[in-house]
Amino acid sequence: MFYFCERSGLDDKTSAACVCISLIVLTGILTGFGVFDTVAKFAGAGTMVPITGFANAVVSPAVEFQTEGRITGTAVRMFTIAGPVIVYGCTAASLYGFIYYFFCRG
């Protein structure tokens, strides 16, 4: 995929972003069709590339609880698994950033 992005004239940074976005979209589509778990068991997707596992963790509950409605099912349950990861990841990153800024910069 990176090769095709570079061949289309994108620079390295934009090509890397394009690959990440493609992995997220592809994971969402495969999860929606119920195929991602089979692919993950066969190819190890989600363990080798953490961004696919995270995308699967967001889409799976949304698909599972869509029968409860768009708001109370899909929207509310979408972040039941990934929500704590986002909250504690952002909190830890902010805390480490403050520590580095005030104590470790030279």
PDB file of N, CA and C in Angstrom:
ATOM      1  N   MET A   1       0.822  -1.191   0.000  1.00  0.00           N
ATOM      2  CA  MET A   1       0.000   0.000   0.000  1.00  0.00           C
ATOM      3  C   MET A   1       0.871   1.261   0.000  1.00  0.00           C
ATOM      4  N   PHE A   2       1.926   1.219   0.800  1.00  0.00           N
ATOM      5  CA  PHE A   2       2.842   2.356   0.870  1.00  0.00           C
ATOM      6  C   PHE A   2       3.428   2.641  -0.508  1.00  0.00           C
ATOM      7  N   TYR A   3       3.748   1.572  -1.233  1.00  0.00           N
ATOM      8  CA  TYR A   3       4.309   1.704  -2.575  1.00  0.00           C
ATOM      9  C   TYR A   3       3.336   2.445  -3.498  1.00  0.00           C
ATOM     10  N   PHE A   4       2.052   2.080  -3.437  1.00  0.00           N
ATOM     11  CA  PHE A   4       1.067   2.724  -4.301  1.00  0.00           C
ATOM     12  C   PHE A   4       0.860   4.193  -3.940  1.00  0.00           C
ATOM     13  N   CYS A   5       0.939   4.497  -2.656  1.00  0.00           N
ATOM     14  CA  CYS A   5       0.806   5.901  -2.236  1.00  0.00           C
ATOM     15  C   CYS A   5       1.986   6.727  -2.730  1.00  0.00           C
ATOM     16  N   GLU A   6       3.176   6.180  -2.619  1.00  0.00           N
ATOM     17  CA  GLU A   6       4.356   6.901  -3.103  1.00  0.00           C
ATOM     18  C   GLU A   6       4.330   7.050  -4.618  1.00  0.00           C
ATOM     19  N   ARG A   7       3.874   6.015  -5.313  1.00  0.00           N
ATOM     20  CA  ARG A   7       3.801   6.078  -6.775  1.00  0.00           C
ATOM     21  C   ARG A   7       2.791   7.115  -7.249  1.00  0.00           C
ATOM     22  N   SER A   8       1.813   7.433  -6.404  1.00  0.00           N
ATOM     23  CA  SER A   8       0.823   8.441  -6.791  1.00  0.00           C
ATOM     24  C   SER A   8       1.319   9.857  -6.527  1.00  0.00           C
ATOM     25  N   GLY A   9       2.558   9.984  -6.007  1.00  0.00           N
ATOM     26  CA  GLY A   9       3.160  11.298  -5.846  1.00  0.00           C
ATOM     27  C   GLY A   9       3.123  11.840  -4.428  1.00  0.00           C
ATOM     28  N   LEU A  10       2.694  11.055  -3.478  1.00  0.00           N
ATOM     29  CA  LEU A  10       2.653  11.514  -2.096  1.00  0.00           C
ATOM     30  C   LEU A  10       4.028  11.393  -1.447  1.00  0.00           C
ATOM     31  N   ASP A  11       4.336  12.290  -0.518  1.00  0.00           N
ATOM     32  CA  ASP A  11       5.605  12.184   0.191  1.00  0.00           C
ATOM     33  C   ASP A  11       5.510  11.086   1.258  1.00  0.00           C
ATOM     34  N   ASP A  12       6.627  10.805   1.934  1.00  0.00           N
ATOM     35  CA  ASP A  12       6.679   9.696   2.888  1.00  0.00           C
ATOM     36  C   ASP A  12       5.691   9.851   4.040  1.00  0.00           C
ATOM     37  N   LYS A  13       5.591  11.046   4.582  1.00  0.00           N
ATOM     38  CA  LYS A  13       4.707  11.282   5.724  1.00  0.00           C
ATOM     39  C   LYS A  13       3.246  11.101   5.338  1.00  0.00           C
ATOM     40  N   THR A  14       2.865  11.639   4.198  1.00  0.00           N
ATOM     41  CA  THR A  14       1.490  11.517   3.735  1.00  0.00           C
ATOM     42  C   THR A  14       1.180  10.074   3.349  1.00  0.00           C
ATOM     43  N   SER A  15       2.155   9.368   2.782  1.00  0.00           N
ATOM     44  CA  SER A  15       1.961   7.963   2.438  1.00  0.00           C
ATOM     45  C   SER A  15       1.742   7.117   3.691  1.00  0.00           C
ATOM     46  N   ALA A  16       2.483   7.399   4.749  1.00  0.00           N
ATOM     47  CA  ALA A  16       2.305   6.663   6.001  1.00  0.00           C
ATOM     48  C   ALA A  16       0.919   6.912   6.588  1.00  0.00           C
ATOM     49  N   ALA A  17       0.456   8.155   6.534  1.00  0.00           N
ATOM     50  CA  ALA A  17      -0.890   8.467   7.012  1.00  0.00           C
ATOM     51  C   ALA A  17      -1.948   7.769   6.166  1.00  0.00           C
ATOM     52  N   CYS A  18      -1.721   7.709   4.867  1.00  0.00           N
ATOM     53  CA  CYS A  18      -2.643   7.031   3.960  1.00  0.00           C
ATOM     54  C   CYS A  18      -2.742   5.540   4.283  1.00  0.00           C
ATOM     55  N   VAL A  19      -1.627   4.923   4.592  1.00  0.00           N
ATOM     56  CA  VAL A  19      -1.620   3.504   4.954  1.00  0.00           C
ATOM     57  C   VAL A  19      -2.373   3.281   6.261  1.00  0.00           C
ATOM     58  N   CYS A  20      -2.155   4.132   7.255  1.00  0.00           N
ATOM     59  CA  CYS A  20      -2.860   4.011   8.534  1.00  0.00           C
ATOM     60  C   CYS A  20      -4.360   4.157   8.349  1.00  0.00           C
ATOM     61  N   ILE A  21      -4.777   5.152   7.598  1.00  0.00           N
ATOM     62  CA  ILE A  21      -6.200   5.364   7.346  1.00  0.00           C
ATOM     63  C   ILE A  21      -6.791   4.177   6.598  1.00  0.00           C
ATOM     64  N   SER A  22      -6.056   3.646   5.638  1.00  0.00           N
ATOM     65  CA  SER A  22      -6.532   2.484   4.882  1.00  0.00           C
ATOM     66  C   SER A  22      -6.713   1.272   5.788  1.00  0.00           C
ATOM     67  N   LEU A  23      -5.774   1.055   6.712  1.00  0.00           N
ATOM     68  CA  LEU A  23      -5.898  -0.062   7.647  1.00  0.00           C
ATOM     69  C   LEU A  23      -7.121   0.088   8.548  1.00  0.00           C
ATOM     70  N   ILE A  24      -7.378   1.305   9.015  1.00  0.00           N
ATOM     71  CA  ILE A  24      -8.534   1.546   9.877  1.00  0.00           C
ATOM     72  C   ILE A  24      -9.837   1.312   9.120  1.00  0.00           C
ATOM     73  N   VAL A  25      -9.936   1.845   7.910  1.00  0.00           N
ATOM     74  CA  VAL A  25     -11.154   1.688   7.114  1.00  0.00           C
ATOM     75  C   VAL A  25     -11.369   0.227   6.747  1.00  0.00           C
ATOM     76  N   LEU A  26     -10.326  -0.450   6.317  1.00  0.00           N
ATOM     77  CA  LEU A  26     -10.439  -1.859   5.952  1.00  0.00           C
ATOM     78  C   LEU A  26     -10.850  -2.709   7.143  1.00  0.00           C
ATOM     79  N   THR A  27     -10.294  -2.425   8.317  1.00  0.00           N
ATOM     80  CA  THR A  27     -10.671  -3.154   9.524  1.00  0.00           C
ATOM     81  C   THR A  27     -12.131  -2.919   9.869  1.00  0.00           C
ATOM     82  N   GLY A  28     -12.578  -1.681   9.766  1.00  0.00           N
ATOM     83  CA  GLY A  28     -13.986  -1.380  10.033  1.00  0.00           C
ATOM     84  C   GLY A  28     -14.922  -2.123   9.093  1.00  0.00           C
ATOM     85  N   ILE A  29     -14.576  -2.156   7.819  1.00  0.00           N
ATOM     86  CA  ILE A  29     -15.402  -2.856   6.833  1.00  0.00           C
ATOM     87  C   ILE A  29     -15.414  -4.362   7.104  1.00  0.00           C
ATOM     88  N   LEU A  30     -14.234  -4.936   7.338  1.00  0.00           N
ATOM     89  CA  LEU A  30     -14.162  -6.373   7.614  1.00  0.00           C
ATOM     90  C   LEU A  30     -14.883  -6.741   8.901  1.00  0.00           C
ATOM     91  N   THR A  31     -14.803  -5.883   9.919  1.00  0.00           N
ATOM     92  CA  THR A  31     -15.521  -6.138  11.169  1.00  0.00           C
ATOM     93  C   THR A  31     -17.022  -6.055  10.941  1.00  0.00           C
ATOM     94  N   GLY A  32     -17.461  -5.081  10.159  1.00  0.00           N
ATOM     95  CA  GLY A  32     -18.883  -4.934   9.857  1.00  0.00           C
ATOM     96  C   GLY A  32     -19.461  -6.146   9.150  1.00  0.00           C
ATOM     97  N   PHE A  33     -18.688  -6.770   8.297  1.00  0.00           N
ATOM     98  CA  PHE A  33     -19.138  -7.967   7.597  1.00  0.00           C
ATOM     99  C   PHE A  33     -18.885  -9.246   8.400  1.00  0.00           C
ATOM    100  N   GLY A  34     -18.245  -9.113   9.555  1.00  0.00           N
ATOM    101  CA  GLY A  34     -17.991 -10.272  10.412  1.00  0.00           C
ATOM    102  C   GLY A  34     -16.845 -11.148   9.947  1.00  0.00           C
ATOM    103  N   VAL A  35     -15.949 -10.599   9.159  1.00  0.00           N
ATOM    104  CA  VAL A  35     -14.846 -11.369   8.596  1.00  0.00           C
ATOM    105  C   VAL A  35     -13.522 -11.107   9.318  1.00  0.00           C
ATOM    106  N   PHE A  36     -13.430 -10.009  10.054  1.00  0.00           N
ATOM    107  CA  PHE A  36     -12.151  -9.611  10.644  1.00  0.00           C
ATOM    108  C   PHE A  36     -11.613 -10.647  11.625  1.00  0.00           C
ATOM    109  N   ASP A  37     -12.478 -11.267  12.422  1.00  0.00           N
ATOM    110  CA  ASP A  37     -12.002 -12.259  13.391  1.00  0.00           C
ATOM    111  C   ASP A  37     -11.325 -13.439  12.700  1.00  0.00           C
ATOM    112  N   THR A  38     -11.879 -13.860  11.576  1.00  0.00           N
ATOM    113  CA  THR A  38     -11.269 -14.951  10.811  1.00  0.00           C
ATOM    114  C   THR A  38      -9.917 -14.532  10.261  1.00  0.00           C
ATOM    115  N   VAL A  39      -9.848 -13.332   9.715  1.00  0.00           N
ATOM    116  CA  VAL A  39      -8.583 -12.812   9.189  1.00  0.00           C
ATOM    117  C   VAL A  39      -7.565 -12.650  10.316  1.00  0.00           C
ATOM    118  N   ALA A  40      -8.013 -12.160  11.476  1.00  0.00           N
ATOM    119  CA  ALA A  40      -7.108 -11.957  12.608  1.00  0.00           C
ATOM    120  C   ALA A  40      -6.547 -13.279  13.121  1.00  0.00           C
ATOM    121  N   LYS A  41      -7.367 -14.312  13.146  1.00  0.00           N
ATOM    122  CA  LYS A  41      -6.877 -15.616  13.590  1.00  0.00           C
ATOM    123  C   LYS A  41      -5.864 -16.191  12.608  1.00  0.00           C
ATOM    124  N   PHE A  42      -6.114 -15.967  11.315  1.00  0.00           N
ATOM    125  CA  PHE A  42      -5.224 -16.508  10.297  1.00  0.00           C
ATOM    126  C   PHE A  42      -3.936 -15.694  10.165  1.00  0.00           C
ATOM    127  N   ALA A  43      -4.062 -14.374  10.094  1.00  0.00           N
ATOM    128  CA  ALA A  43      -2.912 -13.525   9.788  1.00  0.00           C
ATOM    129  C   ALA A  43      -2.311 -12.831  11.002  1.00  0.00           C
ATOM    130  N   GLY A  44      -2.986 -12.888  12.144  1.00  0.00           N
ATOM    131  CA  GLY A  44      -2.469 -12.228  13.333  1.00  0.00           C
ATOM    132  C   GLY A  44      -2.725 -10.734  13.339  1.00  0.00           C
ATOM    133  N   ALA A  45      -3.653 -10.258  12.496  1.00  0.00           N
ATOM    134  CA  ALA A  45      -3.971  -8.830  12.457  1.00  0.00           C
ATOM    135  C   ALA A  45      -4.549  -8.418  13.805  1.00  0.00           C
ATOM    136  N   GLY A  46      -4.133  -7.299  14.289  1.00  0.00           N
ATOM    137  CA  GLY A  46      -4.562  -6.837  15.596  1.00  0.00           C
ATOM    138  C   GLY A  46      -3.503  -7.074  16.646  1.00  0.00           C
ATOM    139  N   THR A  47      -2.692  -8.088  16.429  1.00  0.00           N
ATOM    140  CA  THR A  47      -1.571  -8.301  17.332  1.00  0.00           C
ATOM    141  C   THR A  47      -0.297  -7.729  16.726  1.00  0.00           C
ATOM    142  N   MET A  48      -0.175  -7.807  15.413  1.00  0.00           N
ATOM    143  CA  MET A  48       1.001  -7.256  14.745  1.00  0.00           C
ATOM    144  C   MET A  48       0.856  -5.756  14.494  1.00  0.00           C
ATOM    145  N   VAL A  49      -0.348  -5.325  14.190  1.00  0.00           N
ATOM    146  CA  VAL A  49      -0.614  -3.920  13.912  1.00  0.00           C
ATOM    147  C   VAL A  49      -1.668  -3.453  14.912  1.00  0.00           C
ATOM    148  N   PRO A  50      -1.282  -2.788  15.988  1.00  0.00           N
ATOM    149  CA  PRO A  50      -2.238  -2.434  17.037  1.00  0.00           C
ATOM    150  C   PRO A  50      -3.396  -1.550  16.568  1.00  0.00           C
ATOM    151  N   ILE A  51      -3.193  -0.775  15.523  1.00  0.00           N
ATOM    152  CA  ILE A  51      -4.251   0.122  15.069  1.00  0.00           C
ATOM    153  C   ILE A  51      -5.452  -0.661  14.542  1.00  0.00           C
ATOM    154  N   THR A  52      -5.232  -1.850  13.984  1.00  0.00           N
ATOM    155  CA  THR A  52      -6.352  -2.659  13.508  1.00  0.00           C
ATOM    156  C   THR A  52      -7.124  -3.259  14.678  1.00  0.00           C
ATOM    157  N   GLY A  53      -6.420  -3.662  15.714  1.00  0.00           N
ATOM    158  CA  GLY A  53      -7.097  -4.183  16.900  1.00  0.00           C
ATOM    159  C   GLY A  53      -7.929  -3.114  17.578  1.00  0.00           C
ATOM    160  N   PHE A  54      -7.423  -1.893  17.612  1.00  0.00           N
ATOM    161  CA  PHE A  54      -8.161  -0.794  18.216  1.00  0.00           C
ATOM    162  C   PHE A  54      -9.386  -0.449  17.376  1.00  0.00           C
ATOM    163  N   ALA A  55      -9.246  -0.426  16.059  1.00  0.00           N
ATOM    164  CA  ALA A  55     -10.390  -0.161  15.186  1.00  0.00           C
ATOM    165  C   ALA A  55     -11.450  -1.243  15.350  1.00  0.00           C
ATOM    166  N   ASN A  56     -11.020  -2.488  15.474  1.00  0.00           N
ATOM    167  CA  ASN A  56     -11.951  -3.585  15.704  1.00  0.00           C
ATOM    168  C   ASN A  56     -12.664  -3.425  17.045  1.00  0.00           C
ATOM    169  N   ALA A  57     -11.951  -2.960  18.060  1.00  0.00           N
ATOM    170  CA  ALA A  57     -12.547  -2.767  19.385  1.00  0.00           C
ATOM    171  C   ALA A  57     -13.584  -1.654  19.390  1.00  0.00           C
ATOM    172  N   VAL A  58     -13.492  -0.707  18.485  1.00  0.00           N
ATOM    173  CA  VAL A  58     -14.483   0.365  18.396  1.00  0.00           C
ATOM    174  C   VAL A  58     -15.690  -0.090  17.572  1.00  0.00           C
ATOM    175  N   VAL A  59     -15.446  -0.789  16.469  1.00  0.00           N
ATOM    176  CA  VAL A  59     -16.532  -1.152  15.557  1.00  0.00           C
ATOM    177  C   VAL A  59     -17.348  -2.345  16.070  1.00  0.00           C
ATOM    178  N   SER A  60     -16.716  -3.318  16.716  1.00  0.00           N
ATOM    179  CA  SER A  60     -17.426  -4.526  17.164  1.00  0.00           C
ATOM    180  C   SER A  60     -18.624  -4.234  18.056  1.00  0.00           C
ATOM    181  N   PRO A  61     -18.480  -3.452  19.142  1.00  0.00           N
ATOM    182  CA  PRO A  61     -19.658  -3.164  19.956  1.00  0.00           C
ATOM    183  C   PRO A  61     -20.713  -2.351  19.214  1.00  0.00           C
ATOM    184  N   ALA A  62     -20.288  -1.486  18.311  1.00  0.00           N
ATOM    185  CA  ALA A  62     -21.249  -0.698  17.538  1.00  0.00           C
ATOM    186  C   ALA A  62     -22.109  -1.603  16.671  1.00  0.00           C
ATOM    187  N   VAL A  63     -21.499  -2.620  16.075  1.00  0.00           N
ATOM    188  CA  VAL A  63     -22.241  -3.565  15.249  1.00  0.00           C
ATOM    189  C   VAL A  63     -23.116  -4.460  16.126  1.00  0.00           C
ATOM    190  N   GLU A  64     -22.577  -4.902  17.238  1.00  0.00           N
ATOM    191  CA  GLU A  64     -23.295  -5.829  18.111  1.00  0.00           C
ATOM    192  C   GLU A  64     -24.550  -5.207  18.714  1.00  0.00           C
ATOM    193  N   PHE A  65     -24.498  -3.952  19.085  1.00  0.00           N
ATOM    194  CA  PHE A  65     -25.620  -3.320  19.770  1.00  0.00           C
ATOM    195  C   PHE A  65     -26.448  -2.402  18.878  1.00  0.00           C
ATOM    196  N   GLN A  66     -26.324  -2.524  17.552  1.00  0.00           N
ATOM    197  CA  GLN A  66     -27.084  -1.653  16.658  1.00  0.00           C
ATOM    198  C   GLN A  66     -28.576  -1.926  16.718  1.00  0.00           C
ATOM    199  N   THR A  67     -28.984  -3.101  17.188  1.00  0.00           N
ATOM    200  CA  THR A  67     -30.409  -3.400  17.293  1.00  0.00           C
ATOM    201  C   THR A  67     -31.090  -2.579  18.388  1.00  0.00           C
ATOM    202  N   GLU A  68     -30.313  -2.012  19.309  1.00  0.00           N
ATOM    203  CA  GLU A  68     -30.872  -1.187  20.373  1.00  0.00           C
ATOM    204  C   GLU A  68     -31.134   0.248  19.920  1.00  0.00           C
ATOM    205  N   GLY A  69     -30.775   0.585  18.711  1.00  0.00           N
ATOM    206  CA  GLY A  69     -31.003   1.921  18.173  1.00  0.00           C
ATOM    207  C   GLY A  69     -29.700   2.646  17.908  1.00  0.00           C
ATOM    208  N   ARG A  70     -29.791   3.725  17.155  1.00  0.00           N
ATOM    209  CA  ARG A  70     -28.590   4.474  16.786  1.00  0.00           C
ATOM    210  C   ARG A  70     -27.959   5.184  17.971  1.00  0.00           C
ATOM    211  N   ILE A  71     -28.769   5.757  18.857  1.00  0.00           N
ATOM    212  CA  ILE A  71     -28.215   6.505  19.983  1.00  0.00           C
ATOM    213  C   ILE A  71     -27.891   5.580  21.149  1.00  0.00           C
ATOM    214  N   THR A  72     -28.890   4.860  21.639  1.00  0.00           N
ATOM    215  CA  THR A  72     -28.683   4.035  22.835  1.00  0.00           C
ATOM    216  C   THR A  72     -27.928   2.750  22.546  1.00  0.00           C
ATOM    217  N   GLY A  73     -27.863   2.339  21.321  1.00  0.00           N
ATOM    218  CA  GLY A  73     -27.131   1.126  20.977  1.00  0.00           C
ATOM    219  C   GLY A  73     -25.773   1.417  20.388  1.00  0.00           C
ATOM    220  N   THR A  74     -25.775   1.908  19.154  1.00  0.00           N
ATOM    221  CA  THR A  74     -24.525   2.120  18.432  1.00  0.00           C
ATOM    222  C   THR A  74     -23.651   3.190  19.073  1.00  0.00           C
ATOM    223  N   ALA A  75     -24.203   4.366  19.310  1.00  0.00           N
ATOM    224  CA  ALA A  75     -23.391   5.483  19.799  1.00  0.00           C
ATOM    225  C   ALA A  75     -22.916   5.281  21.237  1.00  0.00           C
ATOM    226  N   VAL A  76     -23.789   4.765  22.089  1.00  0.00           N
ATOM    227  CA  VAL A  76     -23.426   4.597  23.498  1.00  0.00           C
ATOM    228  C   VAL A  76     -22.451   3.450  23.688  1.00  0.00           C
ATOM    229  N   ARG A  77     -22.648   2.364  22.992  1.00  0.00           N
ATOM    230  CA  ARG A  77     -21.826   1.161  23.198  1.00  0.00           C
ATOM    231  C   ARG A  77     -20.544   1.136  22.385  1.00  0.00           C
ATOM    232  N   MET A  78     -20.392   2.076  21.461  1.00  0.00           N
ATOM    233  CA  MET A  78     -19.234   2.058  20.566  1.00  0.00           C
ATOM    234  C   MET A  78     -17.899   2.105  21.323  1.00  0.00           C
ATOM    235  N   PHE A  79     -17.850   2.867  22.405  1.00  0.00           N
ATOM    236  CA  PHE A  79     -16.589   3.042  23.117  1.00  0.00           C
ATOM    237  C   PHE A  79     -16.537   2.281  24.439  1.00  0.00           C
ATOM    238  N   THR A  80     -17.349   1.223  24.595  1.00  0.00           N
ATOM    239  CA  THR A  80     -17.316   0.475  25.859  1.00  0.00           C
ATOM    240  C   THR A  80     -15.976  -0.211  26.070  1.00  0.00           C
ATOM    241  N   ILE A  81     -15.373  -0.691  25.016  1.00  0.00           N
ATOM    242  CA  ILE A  81     -14.072  -1.362  25.135  1.00  0.00           C
ATOM    243  C   ILE A  81     -12.936  -0.360  24.941  1.00  0.00           C
ATOM    244  N   ALA A  82     -13.062   0.491  23.924  1.00  0.00           N
ATOM    245  CA  ALA A  82     -11.973   1.399  23.575  1.00  0.00           C
ATOM    246  C   ALA A  82     -11.974   2.677  24.404  1.00  0.00           C
ATOM    247  N   GLY A  83     -13.077   3.018  25.021  1.00  0.00           N
ATOM    248  CA  GLY A  83     -13.175   4.258  25.786  1.00  0.00           C
ATOM    249  C   GLY A  83     -12.150   4.400  26.896  1.00  0.00           C
ATOM    250  N   PRO A  84     -12.026   3.392  27.773  1.00  0.00           N
ATOM    251  CA  PRO A  84     -11.016   3.495  28.829  1.00  0.00           C
ATOM    252  C   PRO A  84      -9.587   3.621  28.286  1.00  0.00           C
ATOM    253  N   VAL A  85      -9.324   2.969  27.174  1.00  0.00           N
ATOM    254  CA  VAL A  85      -7.990   3.070  26.567  1.00  0.00           C
ATOM    255  C   VAL A  85      -7.725   4.503  26.128  1.00  0.00           C
ATOM    256  N   ILE A  86      -8.733   5.133  25.528  1.00  0.00           N
ATOM    257  CA  ILE A  86      -8.578   6.516  25.081  1.00  0.00           C
ATOM    258  C   ILE A  86      -8.384   7.444  26.275  1.00  0.00           C
ATOM    259  N   VAL A  87      -9.233   7.301  27.296  1.00  0.00           N
ATOM    260  CA  VAL A  87      -9.175   8.192  28.456  1.00  0.00           C
ATOM    261  C   VAL A  87      -7.852   8.057  29.194  1.00  0.00           C
ATOM    262  N   TYR A  88      -7.480   6.840  29.549  1.00  0.00           N
ATOM    263  CA  TYR A  88      -6.249   6.656  30.318  1.00  0.00           C
ATOM    264  C   TYR A  88      -5.004   6.893  29.472  1.00  0.00           C
ATOM    265  N   GLY A  89      -5.081   6.622  28.172  1.00  0.00           N
ATOM    266  CA  GLY A  89      -3.954   6.924  27.290  1.00  0.00           C
ATOM    267  C   GLY A  89      -3.701   8.411  27.181  1.00  0.00           C
ATOM    268  N   CYS A  90      -4.768   9.188  27.014  1.00  0.00           N
ATOM    269  CA  CYS A  90      -4.619  10.658  26.940  1.00  0.00           C
ATOM    270  C   CYS A  90      -4.171  11.237  28.276  1.00  0.00           C
ATOM    271  N   THR A  91      -4.706  10.701  29.364  1.00  0.00           N
ATOM    272  CA  THR A  91      -4.308  11.175  30.694  1.00  0.00           C
ATOM    273  C   THR A  91      -2.831  10.898  30.955  1.00  0.00           C
ATOM    274  N   ALA A  92      -2.391   9.686  30.657  1.00  0.00           N
ATOM    275  CA  ALA A  92      -0.986   9.336  30.867  1.00  0.00           C
ATOM    276  C   ALA A  92      -0.073  10.165  29.971  1.00  0.00           C
ATOM    277  N   ALA A  93      -0.474  10.364  28.720  1.00  0.00           N
ATOM    278  CA  ALA A  93       0.345  11.165  27.805  1.00  0.00           C
ATOM    279  C   ALA A  93       0.466  12.606  28.297  1.00  0.00           C
ATOM    280  N   SER A  94      -0.636  13.160  28.805  1.00  0.00           N
ATOM    281  CA  SER A  94      -0.592  14.524  29.340  1.00  0.00           C
ATOM    282  C   SER A  94       0.297  14.609  30.566  1.00  0.00           C
ATOM    283  N   LEU A  95       0.162  13.651  31.467  1.00  0.00           N
ATOM    284  CA  LEU A  95       0.975  13.628  32.682  1.00  0.00           C
ATOM    285  C   LEU A  95       2.461  13.495  32.345  1.00  0.00           C
ATOM    286  N   TYR A  96       2.797  12.580  31.457  1.00  0.00           N
ATOM    287  CA  TYR A  96       4.195  12.399  31.066  1.00  0.00           C
ATOM    288  C   TYR A  96       4.726  13.634  30.345  1.00  0.00           C
ATOM    289  N   GLY A  97       3.870  14.272  29.549  1.00  0.00           N
ATOM    290  CA  GLY A  97       4.278  15.488  28.866  1.00  0.00           C
ATOM    291  C   GLY A  97       4.601  16.619  29.833  1.00  0.00           C
ATOM    292  N   PHE A  98       3.754  16.781  30.858  1.00  0.00           N
ATOM    293  CA  PHE A  98       4.026  17.802  31.882  1.00  0.00           C
ATOM    294  C   PHE A  98       5.311  17.495  32.648  1.00  0.00           C
ATOM    295  N   ILE A  99       5.499  16.242  33.030  1.00  0.00           N
ATOM    296  CA  ILE A  99       6.719  15.853  33.755  1.00  0.00           C
ATOM    297  C   ILE A  99       7.946  16.143  32.901  1.00  0.00           C
ATOM    298  N   TYR A 100       7.889  15.759  31.639  1.00  0.00           N
ATOM    299  CA  TYR A 100       9.021  16.008  30.755  1.00  0.00           C
ATOM    300  C   TYR A 100       9.267  17.501  30.583  1.00  0.00           C
ATOM    301  N   TYR A 101       8.201  18.260  30.388  1.00  0.00           N
ATOM    302  CA  TYR A 101       8.331  19.697  30.153  1.00  0.00           C
ATOM    303  C   TYR A 101       8.957  20.407  31.352  1.00  0.00           C
ATOM    304  N   PHE A 102       8.522  20.082  32.548  1.00  0.00           N
ATOM    305  CA  PHE A 102       8.987  20.803  33.728  1.00  0.00           C
ATOM    306  C   PHE A 102      10.287  20.249  34.334  1.00  0.00           C
ATOM    307  N   PHE A 103      10.567  18.963  34.155  1.00  0.00           N
ATOM    308  CA  PHE A 103      11.713  18.377  34.856  1.00  0.00           C
ATOM    309  C   PHE A 103      12.814  17.840  33.956  1.00  0.00           C
ATOM    310  N   CYS A 104      12.519  17.513  32.716  1.00  0.00           N
ATOM    311  CA  CYS A 104      13.525  16.814  31.906  1.00  0.00           C
ATOM    312  C   CYS A 104      14.085  17.614  30.748  1.00  0.00           C
ATOM    313  N   ARG A 105      13.533  18.735  30.458  1.00  0.00           N
ATOM    314  CA  ARG A 105      14.064  19.482  29.311  1.00  0.00           C
ATOM    315  C   ARG A 105      15.338  20.202  29.731  1.00  0.00           C
ATOM    316  N   GLY A 106      16.234  20.304  28.806  1.00  0.00           N
ATOM    317  CA  GLY A 106      17.544  20.833  29.143  1.00  0.00           C
ATOM    318  C   GLY A 106      17.729  22.211  28.891  1.00  0.00           C
TER     319      GLY A 106
END
